[in-house]
PDB file of all heavy atoms in Angstrom:
ATOM      1  N   ASP A   1      43.232  71.493 214.292  1.00  0.00           N
ATOM      2  CA  ASP A   1      42.310  70.424 214.666  1.00  0.00           C
ATOM      3  C   ASP A   1      41.625  70.778 215.984  1.00  0.00           C
ATOM      4  O   ASP A   1      42.276  70.881 217.022  1.00  0.00           O
ATOM      5  CB  ASP A   1      43.089  69.116 214.831  1.00  0.00           C
ATOM      6  CG  ASP A   1      42.178  67.914 215.034  1.00  0.00           C
ATOM      7  OD1 ASP A   1      41.012  68.096 215.417  1.00  0.00           O
ATOM      8  OD2 ASP A   1      42.651  66.777 214.832  1.00  0.00           O
ATOM      9  N   PRO A   2      40.298  70.962 215.976  1.00  0.00           N
ATOM     10  CA  PRO A   2      39.599  71.351 217.209  1.00  0.00           C
ATOM     11  C   PRO A   2      39.656  70.292 218.301  1.00  0.00           C
ATOM     12  O   PRO A   2      39.400  70.583 219.465  1.00  0.00           O
ATOM     13  CB  PRO A   2      38.160  71.590 216.740  1.00  0.00           C
ATOM     14  CG  PRO A   2      38.031  70.812 215.474  1.00  0.00           C
ATOM     15  CD  PRO A   2      39.384  70.847 214.827  1.00  0.00           C
ATOM     16  N   ARG A   3      40.013  69.049 217.957  1.00  0.00           N
ATOM     17  CA  ARG A   3      40.093  67.985 218.953  1.00  0.00           C
ATOM     18  C   ARG A   3      41.426  67.985 219.689  1.00  0.00           C
ATOM     19  O   ARG A   3      41.564  67.333 220.724  1.00  0.00           O
ATOM     20  CB  ARG A   3      39.893  66.631 218.273  1.00  0.00           C
ATOM     21  CG  ARG A   3      38.508  66.456 217.641  1.00  0.00           C
ATOM     22  CD  ARG A   3      38.485  65.277 216.718  1.00  0.00           C
ATOM     23  NE  ARG A   3      39.398  65.466 215.587  1.00  0.00           N
ATOM     24  CZ  ARG A   3      39.564  64.603 214.587  1.00  0.00           C
ATOM     25  NH1 ARG A   3      38.868  63.481 214.585  1.00  0.00           N
ATOM     26  NH2 ARG A   3      40.400  64.856 213.600  1.00  0.00           N
ATOM     27  N   LYS A   4      42.402  68.708 219.175  1.00  0.00           N
ATOM     28  CA  LYS A   4      43.729  68.724 219.783  1.00  0.00           C
ATOM     29  C   LYS A   4      43.904  69.977 220.635  1.00  0.00           C
ATOM     30  O   LYS A   4      43.503  71.074 220.235  1.00  0.00           O
ATOM     31  CB  LYS A   4      44.811  68.679 218.707  1.00  0.00           C
ATOM     32  CG  LYS A   4      44.852  67.386 217.907  1.00  0.00           C
ATOM     33  CD  LYS A   4      46.009  67.405 216.906  1.00  0.00           C
ATOM     34  CE  LYS A   4      46.084  66.106 216.121  1.00  0.00           C
ATOM     35  NZ  LYS A   4      47.216  66.118 215.144  1.00  0.00           N
ATOM     36  N   ARG A   5      44.563  69.812 221.769  1.00  0.00           N
ATOM     37  CA  ARG A   5      44.821  70.951 222.639  1.00  0.00           C
ATOM     38  C   ARG A   5      46.317  71.240 222.802  1.00  0.00           C
ATOM     39  O   ARG A   5      46.692  72.252 223.395  1.00  0.00           O
ATOM     40  CB  ARG A   5      44.162  70.750 224.009  1.00  0.00           C
ATOM     41  CG  ARG A   5      44.508  69.468 224.724  1.00  0.00           C
ATOM     42  CD  ARG A   5      43.736  69.350 226.045  1.00  0.00           C
ATOM     43  NE  ARG A   5      44.032  68.107 226.738  1.00  0.00           N
ATOM     44  CZ  ARG A   5      43.242  67.044 226.734  1.00  0.00           C
ATOM     45  NH1 ARG A   5      42.082  67.096 226.092  1.00  0.00           N
ATOM     46  NH2 ARG A   5      43.582  65.939 227.367  1.00  0.00           N
ATOM     47  N   THR A   6      47.172  70.337 222.321  1.00  0.00           N
ATOM     48  CA  THR A   6      48.610  70.569 222.345  1.00  0.00           C
ATOM     49  C   THR A   6      49.198  70.258 220.978  1.00  0.00           C
ATOM     50  O   THR A   6      48.584  69.540 220.175  1.00  0.00           O
ATOM     51  CB  THR A   6      49.307  69.687 223.400  1.00  0.00           C
ATOM     52  OG1 THR A   6      49.104  68.306 223.067  1.00  0.00           O
ATOM     53  CG2 THR A   6      48.780  69.970 224.797  1.00  0.00           C
ATOM     54  N   GLY A   7      50.383  70.800 220.729  1.00  0.00           N
ATOM     55  CA  GLY A   7      51.055  70.558 219.461  1.00  0.00           C
ATOM     56  C   GLY A   7      50.780  71.652 218.457  1.00  0.00           C
ATOM     57  O   GLY A   7      49.858  72.467 218.623  1.00  0.00           O
ATOM     58  N   PRO A   8      51.547  71.685 217.368  1.00  0.00           N
ATOM     59  CA  PRO A   8      51.436  72.773 216.384  1.00  0.00           C
ATOM     60  C   PRO A   8      50.118  72.802 215.628  1.00  0.00           C
ATOM     61  O   PRO A   8      49.734  73.843 215.094  1.00  0.00           O
ATOM     62  CB  PRO A   8      52.612  72.498 215.434  1.00  0.00           C
ATOM     63  CG  PRO A   8      52.924  71.043 215.608  1.00  0.00           C
ATOM     64  CD  PRO A   8      52.635  70.733 217.031  1.00  0.00           C
ATOM     65  N   ASP A   9      49.421  71.675 215.580  1.00  0.00           N
ATOM     66  CA  ASP A   9      48.139  71.629 214.865  1.00  0.00           C
ATOM     67  C   ASP A   9      46.941  71.777 215.796  1.00  0.00           C
ATOM     68  O   ASP A   9      45.798  71.696 215.351  1.00  0.00           O
ATOM     69  CB  ASP A   9      48.009  70.313 214.094  1.00  0.00           C
ATOM     70  CG  ASP A   9      49.039  70.187 212.978  1.00  0.00           C
ATOM     71  OD1 ASP A   9      49.454  71.243 212.458  1.00  0.00           O
ATOM     72  OD2 ASP A   9      49.434  69.056 212.656  1.00  0.00           O
ATOM     73  N   ALA A  10      47.184  71.976 217.070  1.00  0.00           N
ATOM     74  CA  ALA A  10      46.073  72.128 218.016  1.00  0.00           C
ATOM     75  C   ALA A  10      45.290  73.396 217.718  1.00  0.00           C
ATOM     76  O   ALA A  10      45.868  74.450 217.424  1.00  0.00           O
ATOM     77  CB  ALA A  10      46.608  72.166 219.443  1.00  0.00           C
ATOM     78  N   CYS A  11      43.976  73.307 217.800  1.00  0.00           N
ATOM     79  CA  CYS A  11      43.132  74.489 217.568  1.00  0.00           C
ATOM     80  C   CYS A  11      43.423  75.533 218.637  1.00  0.00           C
ATOM     81  O   CYS A  11      43.356  75.236 219.843  1.00  0.00           O
ATOM     82  CB  CYS A  11      41.664  74.093 217.613  1.00  0.00           C
ATOM     83  SG  CYS A  11      40.523  75.488 217.486  1.00  0.00           S
ATOM     84  N   PRO A  12      43.743  76.754 218.252  1.00  0.00           N
ATOM     85  CA  PRO A  12      44.005  77.800 219.255  1.00  0.00           C
ATOM     86  C   PRO A  12      42.866  77.974 220.246  1.00  0.00           C
ATOM     87  O   PRO A  12      43.103  78.233 221.427  1.00  0.00           O
ATOM     88  CB  PRO A  12      44.218  79.043 218.397  1.00  0.00           C
ATOM     89  CG  PRO A  12      44.758  78.517 217.104  1.00  0.00           C
ATOM     90  CD  PRO A  12      44.019  77.222 216.882  1.00  0.00           C
ATOM     91  N   TYR A  13      41.620  77.826 219.795  1.00  0.00           N
ATOM     92  CA  TYR A  13      40.489  77.962 220.714  1.00  0.00           C
ATOM     93  C   TYR A  13      40.526  76.890 221.804  1.00  0.00           C
ATOM     94  O   TYR A  13      40.230  77.171 222.972  1.00  0.00           O
ATOM     95  CB  TYR A  13      39.158  77.868 219.957  1.00  0.00           C
ATOM     96  CG  TYR A  13      38.799  79.111 219.198  1.00  0.00           C
ATOM     97  CD1 TYR A  13      39.187  79.267 217.870  1.00  0.00           C
ATOM     98  CD2 TYR A  13      38.071  80.136 219.790  1.00  0.00           C
ATOM     99  CE1 TYR A  13      38.858  80.408 217.160  1.00  0.00           C
ATOM    100  CE2 TYR A  13      37.735  81.280 219.096  1.00  0.00           C
ATOM    101  CZ  TYR A  13      38.138  81.419 217.782  1.00  0.00           C
ATOM    102  OH  TYR A  13      37.831  82.552 217.089  1.00  0.00           O
ATOM    103  N   THR A  14      40.868  75.675 221.416  1.00  0.00           N
ATOM    104  CA  THR A  14      40.889  74.586 222.385  1.00  0.00           C
ATOM    105  C   THR A  14      41.990  74.789 223.419  1.00  0.00           C
ATOM    106  O   THR A  14      41.767  74.622 224.625  1.00  0.00           O
ATOM    107  CB  THR A  14      41.062  73.246 221.661  1.00  0.00           C
ATOM    108  OG1 THR A  14      40.016  73.099 220.683  1.00  0.00           O
ATOM    109  CG2 THR A  14      41.000  72.082 222.627  1.00  0.00           C
ATOM    110  N   SER A  15      43.182  75.158 222.960  1.00  0.00           N
ATOM    111  CA  SER A  15      44.281  75.415 223.902  1.00  0.00           C
ATOM    112  C   SER A  15      43.954  76.582 224.817  1.00  0.00           C
ATOM    113  O   SER A  15      44.154  76.519 226.035  1.00  0.00           O
ATOM    114  CB  SER A  15      45.572  75.698 223.130  1.00  0.00           C
ATOM    115  OG  SER A  15      45.897  74.637 222.250  1.00  0.00           O
ATOM    116  N   LEU A  16      43.449  77.664 224.228  1.00  0.00           N
ATOM    117  CA  LEU A  16      43.153  78.855 225.012  1.00  0.00           C
ATOM    118  C   LEU A  16      42.022  78.616 226.006  1.00  0.00           C
ATOM    119  O   LEU A  16      42.012  79.195 227.099  1.00  0.00           O
ATOM    120  CB  LEU A  16      42.790  80.017 224.083  1.00  0.00           C
ATOM    121  CG  LEU A  16      43.926  80.621 223.262  1.00  0.00           C
ATOM    122  CD1 LEU A  16      43.376  81.596 222.232  1.00  0.00           C
ATOM    123  CD2 LEU A  16      44.940  81.321 224.167  1.00  0.00           C
ATOM    124  N   TYR A  17      41.058  77.783 225.644  1.00  0.00           N
ATOM    125  CA  TYR A  17      39.927  77.521 226.530  1.00  0.00           C
ATOM    126  C   TYR A  17      40.387  76.932 227.863  1.00  0.00           C
ATOM    127  O   TYR A  17      40.018  77.415 228.943  1.00  0.00           O
ATOM    128  CB  TYR A  17      38.940  76.565 225.856  1.00  0.00           C
ATOM    129  CG  TYR A  17      37.836  76.089 226.762  1.00  0.00           C
ATOM    130  CD1 TYR A  17      36.837  76.955 227.181  1.00  0.00           C
ATOM    131  CD2 TYR A  17      37.802  74.768 227.204  1.00  0.00           C
ATOM    132  CE1 TYR A  17      35.818  76.515 228.014  1.00  0.00           C
ATOM    133  CE2 TYR A  17      36.794  74.327 228.041  1.00  0.00           C
ATOM    134  CZ  TYR A  17      35.802  75.199 228.445  1.00  0.00           C
ATOM    135  OH  TYR A  17      34.794  74.768 229.277  1.00  0.00           O
ATOM    136  N   TRP A  18      41.210  75.888 227.796  1.00  0.00           N
ATOM    137  CA  TRP A  18      41.669  75.264 229.034  1.00  0.00           C
ATOM    138  C   TRP A  18      42.594  76.181 229.809  1.00  0.00           C
ATOM    139  O   TRP A  18      42.571  76.209 231.047  1.00  0.00           O
ATOM    140  CB  TRP A  18      42.343  73.934 228.712  1.00  0.00           C
ATOM    141  CG  TRP A  18      41.402  72.937 228.129  1.00  0.00           C
ATOM    142  CD1 TRP A  18      41.400  72.444 226.851  1.00  0.00           C
ATOM    143  CD2 TRP A  18      40.293  72.319 228.796  1.00  0.00           C
ATOM    144  NE1 TRP A  18      40.359  71.574 226.677  1.00  0.00           N
ATOM    145  CE2 TRP A  18      39.668  71.468 227.856  1.00  0.00           C
ATOM    146  CE3 TRP A  18      39.768  72.389 230.081  1.00  0.00           C
ATOM    147  CZ2 TRP A  18      38.545  70.705 228.170  1.00  0.00           C
ATOM    148  CZ3 TRP A  18      38.645  71.632 230.397  1.00  0.00           C
ATOM    149  CH2 TRP A  18      38.044  70.803 229.448  1.00  0.00           C
ATOM    150  N   ASP A  19      43.392  76.957 229.100  1.00  0.00           N
ATOM    151  CA  ASP A  19      44.254  77.919 229.785  1.00  0.00           C
ATOM    152  C   ASP A  19      43.423  79.004 230.466  1.00  0.00           C
ATOM    153  O   ASP A  19      43.752  79.446 231.568  1.00  0.00           O
ATOM    154  CB  ASP A  19      45.223  78.551 228.787  1.00  0.00           C
ATOM    155  CG  ASP A  19      46.128  79.579 229.434  1.00  0.00           C
ATOM    156  OD1 ASP A  19      47.002  79.190 230.228  1.00  0.00           O
ATOM    157  OD2 ASP A  19      45.948  80.783 229.151  1.00  0.00           O
ATOM    158  N   PHE A  20      42.343  79.430 229.821  1.00  0.00           N
ATOM    159  CA  PHE A  20      41.450  80.429 230.413  1.00  0.00           C
ATOM    160  C   PHE A  20      40.881  79.933 231.731  1.00  0.00           C
ATOM    161  O   PHE A  20      40.848  80.669 232.726  1.00  0.00           O
ATOM    162  CB  PHE A  20      40.324  80.754 229.433  1.00  0.00           C
ATOM    163  CG  PHE A  20      39.208  81.564 230.024  1.00  0.00           C
ATOM    164  CD1 PHE A  20      39.342  82.925 230.203  1.00  0.00           C
ATOM    165  CD2 PHE A  20      38.009  80.957 230.409  1.00  0.00           C
ATOM    166  CE1 PHE A  20      38.306  83.685 230.761  1.00  0.00           C
ATOM    167  CE2 PHE A  20      36.978  81.693 230.961  1.00  0.00           C
ATOM    168  CZ  PHE A  20      37.134  83.056 231.138  1.00  0.00           C
ATOM    169  N   LEU A  21      40.435  78.678 231.764  1.00  0.00           N
ATOM    170  CA  LEU A  21      39.889  78.116 232.995  1.00  0.00           C
ATOM    171  C   LEU A  21      40.962  78.034 234.083  1.00  0.00           C
ATOM    172  O   LEU A  21      40.706  78.379 235.248  1.00  0.00           O
ATOM    173  CB  LEU A  21      39.312  76.734 232.733  1.00  0.00           C
ATOM    174  CG  LEU A  21      38.096  76.655 231.809  1.00  0.00           C
ATOM    175  CD1 LEU A  21      37.635  75.214 231.661  1.00  0.00           C
ATOM    176  CD2 LEU A  21      36.950  77.516 232.311  1.00  0.00           C
ATOM    177  N   ALA A  22      42.156  77.597 233.699  1.00  0.00           N
ATOM    178  CA  ALA A  22      43.237  77.483 234.687  1.00  0.00           C
ATOM    179  C   ALA A  22      43.669  78.854 235.188  1.00  0.00           C
ATOM    180  O   ALA A  22      43.922  79.034 236.386  1.00  0.00           O
ATOM    181  CB  ALA A  22      44.423  76.750 234.068  1.00  0.00           C
ATOM    182  N   ARG A  23      43.721  79.806 234.290  1.00  0.00           N
ATOM    183  CA  ARG A  23      44.177  81.158 234.639  1.00  0.00           C
ATOM    184  C   ARG A  23      43.206  81.865 235.576  1.00  0.00           C
ATOM    185  O   ARG A  23      43.591  82.680 236.409  1.00  0.00           O
ATOM    186  CB  ARG A  23      44.359  81.956 233.340  1.00  0.00           C
ATOM    187  CG  ARG A  23      45.112  83.254 233.461  1.00  0.00           C
ATOM    188  CD  ARG A  23      45.427  83.824 232.081  1.00  0.00           C
ATOM    189  NE  ARG A  23      44.271  84.315 231.372  1.00  0.00           N
ATOM    190  CZ  ARG A  23      43.827  83.834 230.230  1.00  0.00           C
ATOM    191  NH1 ARG A  23      44.406  82.780 229.663  1.00  0.00           N
ATOM    192  NH2 ARG A  23      42.764  84.350 229.631  1.00  0.00           N
ATOM    193  N   ASN A  24      41.913  81.547 235.438  1.00  0.00           N
ATOM    194  CA  ASN A  24      40.877  82.269 236.184  1.00  0.00           C
ATOM    195  C   ASN A  24      40.102  81.356 237.133  1.00  0.00           C
ATOM    196  O   ASN A  24      38.963  81.658 237.492  1.00  0.00           O
ATOM    197  CB  ASN A  24      39.900  82.930 235.198  1.00  0.00           C
ATOM    198  CG  ASN A  24      40.565  83.956 234.318  1.00  0.00           C
ATOM    199  OD1 ASN A  24      40.945  85.027 234.771  1.00  0.00           O
ATOM    200  ND2 ASN A  24      40.720  83.622 233.038  1.00  0.00           N
ATOM    201  N   ARG A  25      40.723  80.258 237.557  1.00  0.00           N
ATOM    202  CA  ARG A  25      39.987  79.286 238.369  1.00  0.00           C
ATOM    203  C   ARG A  25      39.483  79.887 239.683  1.00  0.00           C
ATOM    204  O   ARG A  25      38.386  79.559 240.143  1.00  0.00           O
ATOM    205  CB  ARG A  25      40.850  78.048 238.626  1.00  0.00           C
ATOM    206  CG  ARG A  25      42.034  78.263 239.552  1.00  0.00           C
ATOM    207  CD  ARG A  25      42.822  76.954 239.719  1.00  0.00           C
ATOM    208  NE  ARG A  25      43.702  76.733 238.568  1.00  0.00           N
ATOM    209  CZ  ARG A  25      44.355  75.596 238.361  1.00  0.00           C
ATOM    210  NH1 ARG A  25      44.184  74.584 239.194  1.00  0.00           N
ATOM    211  NH2 ARG A  25      45.152  75.460 237.331  1.00  0.00           N
ATOM    212  N   LYS A  26      40.253  80.786 240.275  1.00  0.00           N
ATOM    213  CA  LYS A  26      39.820  81.398 241.532  1.00  0.00           C
ATOM    214  C   LYS A  26      38.597  82.282 241.312  1.00  0.00           C
ATOM    215  O   LYS A  26      37.651  82.262 242.105  1.00  0.00           O
ATOM    216  CB  LYS A  26      40.960  82.205 242.143  1.00  0.00           C
ATOM    217  CG  LYS A  26      42.103  81.352 242.690  1.00  0.00           C
ATOM    218  CD  LYS A  26      43.159  82.225 243.355  1.00  0.00           C
ATOM    219  CE  LYS A  26      44.289  81.375 243.917  1.00  0.00           C
ATOM    220  NZ  LYS A  26      45.347  82.215 244.565  1.00  0.00           N
ATOM    221  N   GLU A  27      38.634  83.075 240.244  1.00  0.00           N
ATOM    222  CA  GLU A  27      37.527  83.996 239.971  1.00  0.00           C
ATOM    223  C   GLU A  27      36.255  83.238 239.588  1.00  0.00           C
ATOM    224  O   GLU A  27      35.139  83.713 239.828  1.00  0.00           O
ATOM    225  CB  GLU A  27      37.904  84.951 238.840  1.00  0.00           C
ATOM    226  CG  GLU A  27      38.952  85.991 239.210  1.00  0.00           C
ATOM    227  CD  GLU A  27      40.369  85.445 239.172  1.00  0.00           C
ATOM    228  OE1 GLU A  27      40.551  84.246 238.822  1.00  0.00           O
ATOM    229  OE2 GLU A  27      41.299  86.195 239.493  1.00  0.00           O
ATOM    230  N   LEU A  28      36.408  82.044 238.993  1.00  0.00           N
ATOM    231  CA  LEU A  28      35.249  81.292 238.509  1.00  0.00           C
ATOM    232  C   LEU A  28      34.796  80.209 239.478  1.00  0.00           C
ATOM    233  O   LEU A  28      33.775  79.572 239.249  1.00  0.00           O
ATOM    234  CB  LEU A  28      35.588  80.652 237.159  1.00  0.00           C
ATOM    235  CG  LEU A  28      35.997  81.602 236.035  1.00  0.00           C
ATOM    236  CD1 LEU A  28      36.385  80.817 234.789  1.00  0.00           C
ATOM    237  CD2 LEU A  28      34.879  82.583 235.712  1.00  0.00           C
ATOM    238  N   ALA A  29      35.546  80.005 240.549  1.00  0.00           N
ATOM    239  CA  ALA A  29      35.253  78.890 241.462  1.00  0.00           C
ATOM    240  C   ALA A  29      33.863  78.982 242.075  1.00  0.00           C
ATOM    241  O   ALA A  29      33.220  77.962 242.335  1.00  0.00           O
ATOM    242  CB  ALA A  29      36.318  78.834 242.552  1.00  0.00           C
ATOM    243  N   GLY A  30      33.368  80.187 242.314  1.00  0.00           N
ATOM    244  CA  GLY A  30      32.062  80.344 242.939  1.00  0.00           C
ATOM    245  C   GLY A  30      30.897  80.321 241.971  1.00  0.00           C
ATOM    246  O   GLY A  30      29.747  80.438 242.393  1.00  0.00           O
ATOM    247  N   ASN A  31      31.165  80.152 240.675  1.00  0.00           N
ATOM    248  CA  ASN A  31      30.109  80.138 239.662  1.00  0.00           C
ATOM    249  C   ASN A  31      29.645  78.701 239.455  1.00  0.00           C
ATOM    250  O   ASN A  31      30.376  77.874 238.890  1.00  0.00           O
ATOM    251  CB  ASN A  31      30.646  80.732 238.350  1.00  0.00           C
ATOM    252  CG  ASN A  31      29.555  80.947 237.315  1.00  0.00           C
ATOM    253  OD1 ASN A  31      28.689  80.102 237.135  1.00  0.00           O
ATOM    254  ND2 ASN A  31      29.614  82.077 236.632  1.00  0.00           N
ATOM    255  N   HIS A  32      28.438  78.377 239.887  1.00  0.00           N
ATOM    256  CA  HIS A  32      27.961  76.991 239.807  1.00  0.00           C
ATOM    257  C   HIS A  32      27.850  76.503 238.376  1.00  0.00           C
ATOM    258  O   HIS A  32      27.927  75.287 238.122  1.00  0.00           O
ATOM    259  CB  HIS A  32      26.619  76.848 240.535  1.00  0.00           C
ATOM    260  CG  HIS A  32      25.468  77.473 239.808  1.00  0.00           C
ATOM    261  ND1 HIS A  32      25.193  78.834 239.857  1.00  0.00           N
ATOM    262  CD2 HIS A  32      24.520  76.927 238.995  1.00  0.00           C
ATOM    263  CE1 HIS A  32      24.120  79.092 239.135  1.00  0.00           C
ATOM    264  NE2 HIS A  32      23.695  77.968 238.596  1.00  0.00           N
ATOM    265  N   ARG A  33      27.685  77.410 237.422  1.00  0.00           N
ATOM    266  CA  ARG A  33      27.560  76.994 236.023  1.00  0.00           C
ATOM    267  C   ARG A  33      28.910  76.608 235.428  1.00  0.00           C
ATOM    268  O   ARG A  33      28.959  76.077 234.319  1.00  0.00           O
ATOM    269  CB  ARG A  33      26.932  78.113 235.198  1.00  0.00           C
ATOM    270  CG  ARG A  33      25.511  78.454 235.586  1.00  0.00           C
ATOM    271  CD  ARG A  33      24.853  79.322 234.539  1.00  0.00           C
ATOM    272  NE  ARG A  33      24.668  78.609 233.282  1.00  0.00           N
ATOM    273  CZ  ARG A  33      24.278  79.204 232.147  1.00  0.00           C
ATOM    274  NH1 ARG A  33      24.063  80.503 232.116  1.00  0.00           N
ATOM    275  NH2 ARG A  33      24.131  78.483 231.044  1.00  0.00           N
ATOM    276  N   MET A  34      29.988  76.869 236.156  1.00  0.00           N
ATOM    277  CA  MET A  34      31.313  76.522 235.662  1.00  0.00           C
ATOM    278  C   MET A  34      31.934  75.347 236.413  1.00  0.00           C
ATOM    279  O   MET A  34      33.072  74.967 236.139  1.00  0.00           O
ATOM    280  CB  MET A  34      32.243  77.742 235.773  1.00  0.00           C
ATOM    281  CG  MET A  34      31.814  78.943 234.961  1.00  0.00           C
ATOM    282  SD  MET A  34      31.764  78.580 233.183  1.00  0.00           S
ATOM    283  CE  MET A  34      33.485  78.216 232.838  1.00  0.00           C
ATOM    284  N   SER A  35      31.220  74.771 237.353  1.00  0.00           N
ATOM    285  CA  SER A  35      31.811  73.727 238.197  1.00  0.00           C
ATOM    286  C   SER A  35      32.226  72.502 237.389  1.00  0.00           C
ATOM    287  O   SER A  35      33.303  71.927 237.626  1.00  0.00           O
ATOM    288  CB  SER A  35      30.819  73.324 239.294  1.00  0.00           C
ATOM    289  OG  SER A  35      29.589  72.889 238.731  1.00  0.00           O
ATOM    290  N   ARG A  36      31.412  72.087 236.444  1.00  0.00           N
ATOM    291  CA  ARG A  36      31.744  70.905 235.655  1.00  0.00           C
ATOM    292  C   ARG A  36      32.981  71.150 234.786  1.00  0.00           C
ATOM    293  O   ARG A  36      33.865  70.293 234.697  1.00  0.00           O
ATOM    294  CB  ARG A  36      30.555  70.515 234.771  1.00  0.00           C
ATOM    295  CG  ARG A  36      30.786  69.259 233.940  1.00  0.00           C
ATOM    296  CD  ARG A  36      29.565  68.912 233.118  1.00  0.00           C
ATOM    297  NE  ARG A  36      28.410  68.676 233.969  1.00  0.00           N
ATOM    298  CZ  ARG A  36      27.191  68.396 233.490  1.00  0.00           C
ATOM    299  NH1 ARG A  36      26.982  68.378 232.170  1.00  0.00           N
ATOM    300  NH2 ARG A  36      26.187  68.177 234.310  1.00  0.00           N
ATOM    301  N   GLN A  37      33.048  72.335 234.182  1.00  0.00           N
ATOM    302  CA  GLN A  37      34.201  72.648 233.332  1.00  0.00           C
ATOM    303  C   GLN A  37      35.485  72.728 234.148  1.00  0.00           C
ATOM    304  O   GLN A  37      36.539  72.252 233.720  1.00  0.00           O
ATOM    305  CB  GLN A  37      33.962  73.969 232.584  1.00  0.00           C
ATOM    306  CG  GLN A  37      32.820  73.919 231.581  1.00  0.00           C
ATOM    307  CD  GLN A  37      31.484  74.327 232.179  1.00  0.00           C
ATOM    308  OE1 GLN A  37      31.181  73.998 233.331  1.00  0.00           O
ATOM    309  NE2 GLN A  37      30.689  75.043 231.390  1.00  0.00           N
ATOM    310  N   LEU A  38      35.399  73.352 235.320  1.00  0.00           N
ATOM    311  CA  LEU A  38      36.588  73.467 236.164  1.00  0.00           C
ATOM    312  C   LEU A  38      37.040  72.096 236.662  1.00  0.00           C
ATOM    313  O   LEU A  38      38.246  71.824 236.767  1.00  0.00           O
ATOM    314  CB  LEU A  38      36.302  74.389 237.346  1.00  0.00           C
ATOM    315  CG  LEU A  38      36.122  75.875 236.998  1.00  0.00           C
ATOM    316  CD1 LEU A  38      35.648  76.645 238.214  1.00  0.00           C
ATOM    317  CD2 LEU A  38      37.418  76.473 236.463  1.00  0.00           C
ATOM    318  N   ALA A  39      36.082  71.226 236.948  1.00  0.00           N
ATOM    319  CA  ALA A  39      36.438  69.876 237.369  1.00  0.00           C
ATOM    320  C   ALA A  39      37.132  69.120 236.248  1.00  0.00           C
ATOM    321  O   ALA A  39      38.122  68.400 236.485  1.00  0.00           O
ATOM    322  CB  ALA A  39      35.186  69.127 237.826  1.00  0.00           C
ATOM    323  N   ALA A  40      36.644  69.287 235.017  1.00  0.00           N
ATOM    324  CA  ALA A  40      37.274  68.621 233.873  1.00  0.00           C
ATOM    325  C   ALA A  40      38.680  69.155 233.645  1.00  0.00           C
ATOM    326  O   ALA A  40      39.607  68.395 233.322  1.00  0.00           O
ATOM    327  CB  ALA A  40      36.423  68.818 232.632  1.00  0.00           C
ATOM    328  N   MET A  41      38.843  70.446 233.797  1.00  0.00           N
ATOM    329  CA  MET A  41      40.169  71.039 233.640  1.00  0.00           C
ATOM    330  C   MET A  41      41.147  70.465 234.660  1.00  0.00           C
ATOM    331  O   MET A  41      42.315  70.175 234.354  1.00  0.00           O
ATOM    332  CB  MET A  41      40.068  72.560 233.791  1.00  0.00           C
ATOM    333  CG  MET A  41      41.374  73.327 233.626  1.00  0.00           C
ATOM    334  SD  MET A  41      42.227  73.552 235.229  1.00  0.00           S
ATOM    335  CE  MET A  41      41.030  74.537 236.128  1.00  0.00           C
TER     336      MET A  41
END
């Protein structure tokens, strides 16, 4: 399910997306095009 980010039925893309932002928040912090996504994360 693309709407789910946790649990066995969560879409891998959705889970990985938020983990990607958290994992690379320092590297992406200076990118103004990512500010909204990082804030949501």
